[in-house]
Amino acid sequence: GLNSGECIRTAGNCNLIINSTYVSLTNCDRCIDARGTSNITIHGEVICDAFGDGIRTRGNSDVSIDAGRANIEICGGVNGIRADGNPTVNLAGNVCTIIGGENPIRINGNADVNTEGCVTAIDGCQPVATPMPSPTP
């Protein structure tokens, strides 16, 4: 990436809630980077365009995006969503598009990426698991 940093980054026990009609995260290295036990909740349509990972979660963090009847678009130059450790990512909306230059979704460990709340999920919403000694998600 261009080392432009994260558009949204949380760590520790931080909780961030965004209530908006439309959230646009562009020109970021990562649109969302959640670490530790932090929680990010976004209510509204989300457009994410990142040079690296669109959404990156690690540790025991949680990211939840509820677009209602609107759409979610996550585009990452590397991974659309990368989840390491035990985090949870929940997406709910009309059409959820997840695109990654390498993988739409990459999971390491016991992470959970859930797109069941999307009316239509397109562009490879099935996780690509990497070999780990833990159970396969």
C-alpha atoms as a PDB file:
ATOM      1  CA  GLY A   1       0.000   0.000   0.000  1.00  0.00           C
ATOM      2  CA  LEU A   2       0.909   3.628   0.143  1.00  0.00           C
ATOM      3  CA  ASN A   3       1.383   3.506   3.927  1.00  0.00           C
ATOM      4  CA  SER A   4      -1.597   5.811   4.301  1.00  0.00           C
ATOM      5  CA  GLY A   5      -2.731   4.204   7.557  1.00  0.00           C
ATOM      6  CA  GLU A   6      -6.102   3.028   8.700  1.00  0.00           C
ATOM      7  CA  CYS A   7      -9.301   4.994   8.206  1.00  0.00           C
ATOM      8  CA  ILE A   8     -10.667   3.501  11.465  1.00  0.00           C
ATOM      9  CA  ARG A   9      -8.478   1.787  14.083  1.00  0.00           C
ATOM     10  CA  THR A  10      -9.439   0.592  17.543  1.00  0.00           C
ATOM     11  CA  ALA A  11      -7.460  -1.272  20.193  1.00  0.00           C
ATOM     12  CA  GLY A  12      -7.723  -2.362  23.800  1.00  0.00           C
ATOM     13  CA  ASN A  13     -11.274  -2.228  25.175  1.00  0.00           C
ATOM     14  CA  CYS A  14     -12.404   0.629  22.926  1.00  0.00           C
ATOM     15  CA  ASN A  15     -15.983   0.616  21.612  1.00  0.00           C
ATOM     16  CA  LEU A  16     -16.861   2.680  18.538  1.00  0.00           C
ATOM     17  CA  ILE A  17     -20.431   3.054  17.269  1.00  0.00           C
ATOM     18  CA  ILE A  18     -21.211   4.942  14.059  1.00  0.00           C
ATOM     19  CA  ASN A  19     -24.826   5.670  13.099  1.00  0.00           C
ATOM     20  CA  SER A  20     -24.962   7.159   9.616  1.00  0.00           C
ATOM     21  CA  THR A  21     -26.835   6.848   6.354  1.00  0.00           C
ATOM     22  CA  TYR A  22     -23.600   6.448   4.387  1.00  0.00           C
ATOM     23  CA  VAL A  23     -19.989   5.760   5.433  1.00  0.00           C
ATOM     24  CA  SER A  24     -17.246   6.021   2.797  1.00  0.00           C
ATOM     25  CA  LEU A  25     -13.733   4.801   3.712  1.00  0.00           C
ATOM     26  CA  THR A  26     -11.308   5.346   0.817  1.00  0.00           C
ATOM     27  CA  ASN A  27      -7.582   5.801   0.178  1.00  0.00           C
ATOM     28  CA  CYS A  28      -6.732   3.823   3.332  1.00  0.00           C
ATOM     29  CA  ASP A  29      -4.166   1.106   3.835  1.00  0.00           C
ATOM     30  CA  ARG A  30      -6.982  -0.620   5.778  1.00  0.00           C
ATOM     31  CA  CYS A  31     -10.533   0.707   6.043  1.00  0.00           C
ATOM     32  CA  ILE A  32     -11.039  -0.854   9.479  1.00  0.00           C
ATOM     33  CA  ASP A  33      -8.399  -2.288  11.826  1.00  0.00           C
ATOM     34  CA  ALA A  34      -9.805  -3.687  15.081  1.00  0.00           C
ATOM     35  CA  ARG A  35      -7.422  -5.100  17.702  1.00  0.00           C
ATOM     36  CA  GLY A  36      -7.512  -6.432  21.233  1.00  0.00           C
ATOM     37  CA  THR A  37     -11.042  -6.709  22.605  1.00  0.00           C
ATOM     38  CA  SER A  38     -12.299  -3.599  20.819  1.00  0.00           C
ATOM     39  CA  ASN A  39     -15.709  -3.421  19.141  1.00  0.00           C
ATOM     40  CA  ILE A  40     -16.717  -1.462  16.054  1.00  0.00           C
ATOM     41  CA  THR A  41     -20.384  -1.189  15.103  1.00  0.00           C
ATOM     42  CA  ILE A  42     -21.522   0.687  12.003  1.00  0.00           C
ATOM     43  CA  HIS A  43     -25.200   1.223  11.176  1.00  0.00           C
ATOM     44  CA  GLY A  44     -25.536   2.411   7.572  1.00  0.00           C
ATOM     45  CA  GLU A  45     -24.349   1.772   4.035  1.00  0.00           C
ATOM     46  CA  VAL A  46     -20.572   1.209   3.899  1.00  0.00           C
ATOM     47  CA  ILE A  47     -18.200   1.612   0.966  1.00  0.00           C
ATOM     48  CA  CYS A  48     -14.611   0.538   1.727  1.00  0.00           C
ATOM     49  CA  ASP A  49     -11.703   0.797  -0.704  1.00  0.00           C
ATOM     50  CA  ALA A  50      -8.279  -0.078   0.755  1.00  0.00           C
ATOM     51  CA  PHE A  51      -4.789  -0.689  -0.599  1.00  0.00           C
ATOM     52  CA  GLY A  52      -4.207  -3.545   1.899  1.00  0.00           C
ATOM     53  CA  ASP A  53      -6.955  -5.394   3.759  1.00  0.00           C
ATOM     54  CA  GLY A  54     -10.442  -3.880   3.637  1.00  0.00           C
ATOM     55  CA  ILE A  55     -11.287  -5.037   7.162  1.00  0.00           C
ATOM     56  CA  ARG A  56      -8.597  -6.438   9.475  1.00  0.00           C
ATOM     57  CA  THR A  57      -9.526  -7.932  12.823  1.00  0.00           C
ATOM     58  CA  ARG A  58      -7.228  -9.543  15.381  1.00  0.00           C
ATOM     59  CA  GLY A  59      -7.320 -10.817  18.906  1.00  0.00           C
ATOM     60  CA  ASN A  60     -10.855 -10.920  20.298  1.00  0.00           C
ATOM     61  CA  SER A  61     -12.162  -7.853  18.484  1.00  0.00           C
ATOM     62  CA  ASP A  62     -15.580  -7.589  16.859  1.00  0.00           C
ATOM     63  CA  VAL A  63     -16.710  -5.665  13.774  1.00  0.00           C
ATOM     64  CA  SER A  64     -20.405  -5.443  12.935  1.00  0.00           C
ATOM     65  CA  ILE A  65     -21.843  -3.604   9.928  1.00  0.00           C
ATOM     66  CA  ASP A  66     -25.613  -3.411   9.559  1.00  0.00           C
ATOM     67  CA  ALA A  67     -26.586  -1.588   6.380  1.00  0.00           C
ATOM     68  CA  GLY A  68     -30.303  -2.345   6.722  1.00  0.00           C
ATOM     69  CA  ARG A  69     -31.741  -2.328   3.201  1.00  0.00           C
ATOM     70  CA  ALA A  70     -28.619  -0.616   1.814  1.00  0.00           C
ATOM     71  CA  ASN A  71     -25.425  -2.271   0.517  1.00  0.00           C
ATOM     72  CA  ILE A  72     -21.974  -3.074   1.865  1.00  0.00           C
ATOM     73  CA  GLU A  73     -18.945  -3.032  -0.435  1.00  0.00           C
ATOM     74  CA  ILE A  74     -15.568  -4.116   0.943  1.00  0.00           C
ATOM     75  CA  CYS A  75     -12.641  -3.931  -1.511  1.00  0.00           C
ATOM     76  CA  GLY A  76      -9.091  -4.704  -0.409  1.00  0.00           C
ATOM     77  CA  GLY A  77      -5.970  -4.794  -2.546  1.00  0.00           C
ATOM     78  CA  VAL A  78      -4.806  -7.804  -0.497  1.00  0.00           C
ATOM     79  CA  ASN A  79      -7.799  -9.306   1.378  1.00  0.00           C
ATOM     80  CA  GLY A  80     -11.352  -8.056   1.496  1.00  0.00           C
ATOM     81  CA  ILE A  81     -11.593  -9.236   5.106  1.00  0.00           C
ATOM     82  CA  ARG A  82      -8.702 -10.665   7.141  1.00  0.00           C
ATOM     83  CA  ALA A  83      -9.519 -12.120  10.542  1.00  0.00           C
ATOM     84  CA  ASP A  84      -6.740 -13.411  12.827  1.00  0.00           C
ATOM     85  CA  GLY A  85      -7.220 -15.026  16.237  1.00  0.00           C
ATOM     86  CA  ASN A  86     -10.745 -15.123  17.690  1.00  0.00           C
ATOM     87  CA  PRO A  87     -12.482 -12.069  16.224  1.00  0.00           C
ATOM     88  CA  THR A  88     -15.992 -11.913  14.799  1.00  0.00           C
ATOM     89  CA  VAL A  89     -17.074  -9.984  11.703  1.00  0.00           C
ATOM     90  CA  ASN A  90     -20.817  -9.717  11.010  1.00  0.00           C
ATOM     91  CA  LEU A  91     -22.221  -8.154   7.851  1.00  0.00           C
ATOM     92  CA  ALA A  92     -25.922  -7.539   7.253  1.00  0.00           C
ATOM     93  CA  GLY A  93     -27.423  -5.653   4.334  1.00  0.00           C
ATOM     94  CA  ASN A  94     -29.040  -5.967   0.937  1.00  0.00           C
ATOM     95  CA  VAL A  95     -26.051  -6.819  -1.297  1.00  0.00           C
ATOM     96  CA  CYS A  96     -22.699  -7.480   0.402  1.00  0.00           C
ATOM     97  CA  THR A  97     -19.744  -7.429  -1.990  1.00  0.00           C
ATOM     98  CA  ILE A  98     -16.370  -8.596  -0.680  1.00  0.00           C
ATOM     99  CA  ILE A  99     -13.404  -8.383  -3.051  1.00  0.00           C
ATOM    100  CA  GLY A 100      -9.727  -9.008  -2.337  1.00  0.00           C
ATOM    101  CA  GLY A 101      -6.709  -8.939  -4.631  1.00  0.00           C
ATOM    102  CA  GLU A 102      -5.598 -12.237  -3.051  1.00  0.00           C
ATOM    103  CA  ASN A 103      -8.660 -13.462  -1.102  1.00  0.00           C
ATOM    104  CA  PRO A 104     -12.180 -12.167  -0.509  1.00  0.00           C
ATOM    105  CA  ILE A 105     -11.960 -13.529   3.063  1.00  0.00           C
ATOM    106  CA  ARG A 106      -8.873 -14.866   4.868  1.00  0.00           C
ATOM    107  CA  ILE A 107      -9.204 -16.518   8.258  1.00  0.00           C
ATOM    108  CA  ASN A 108      -6.395 -17.491  10.621  1.00  0.00           C
ATOM    109  CA  GLY A 109      -7.311 -19.270  13.863  1.00  0.00           C
ATOM    110  CA  ASN A 110     -10.883 -19.456  15.165  1.00  0.00           C
ATOM    111  CA  ALA A 111     -12.181 -16.250  13.619  1.00  0.00           C
ATOM    112  CA  ASP A 112     -15.780 -16.051  12.424  1.00  0.00           C
ATOM    113  CA  VAL A 113     -16.864 -14.055   9.369  1.00  0.00           C
ATOM    114  CA  ASN A 114     -20.637 -14.099   8.964  1.00  0.00           C
ATOM    115  CA  THR A 115     -22.434 -12.807   5.861  1.00  0.00           C
ATOM    116  CA  GLU A 116     -25.719 -14.621   6.565  1.00  0.00           C
ATOM    117  CA  GLY A 117     -27.382 -11.267   7.269  1.00  0.00           C
ATOM    118  CA  CYS A 118     -26.914 -10.260   3.629  1.00  0.00           C
ATOM    119  CA  VAL A 119     -29.796 -10.764   1.222  1.00  0.00           C
ATOM    120  CA  THR A 120     -27.234 -11.403  -1.536  1.00  0.00           C
ATOM    121  CA  ALA A 121     -23.536 -12.001  -0.889  1.00  0.00           C
ATOM    122  CA  ILE A 122     -21.329 -11.907  -3.986  1.00  0.00           C
ATOM    123  CA  ASP A 123     -17.684 -12.328  -5.020  1.00  0.00           C
ATOM    124  CA  GLY A 124     -16.553 -15.257  -2.953  1.00  0.00           C
ATOM    125  CA  CYS A 125     -18.045 -14.887   0.496  1.00  0.00           C
ATOM    126  CA  GLN A 126     -16.787 -18.335   1.478  1.00  0.00           C
ATOM    127  CA  PRO A 127     -13.711 -18.092   3.739  1.00  0.00           C
ATOM    128  CA  VAL A 128     -10.299 -19.207   2.541  1.00  0.00           C
ATOM    129  CA  ALA A 129      -8.832 -20.953   5.586  1.00  0.00           C
ATOM    130  CA  THR A 130      -5.081 -21.065   6.058  1.00  0.00           C
ATOM    131  CA  PRO A 131      -3.456 -24.086   7.727  1.00  0.00           C
ATOM    132  CA  MET A 132      -3.454 -23.740  11.507  1.00  0.00           C
ATOM    133  CA  PRO A 133      -3.284 -26.313  14.309  1.00  0.00           C
ATOM    134  CA  SER A 134      -6.742 -25.131  15.460  1.00  0.00           C
ATOM    135  CA  PRO A 135     -10.105 -26.472  14.215  1.00  0.00           C
ATOM    136  CA  THR A 136     -11.257 -25.340  10.788  1.00  0.00           C
ATOM    137  CA  PRO A 137     -13.970 -22.639  10.989  1.00  0.00           C
END
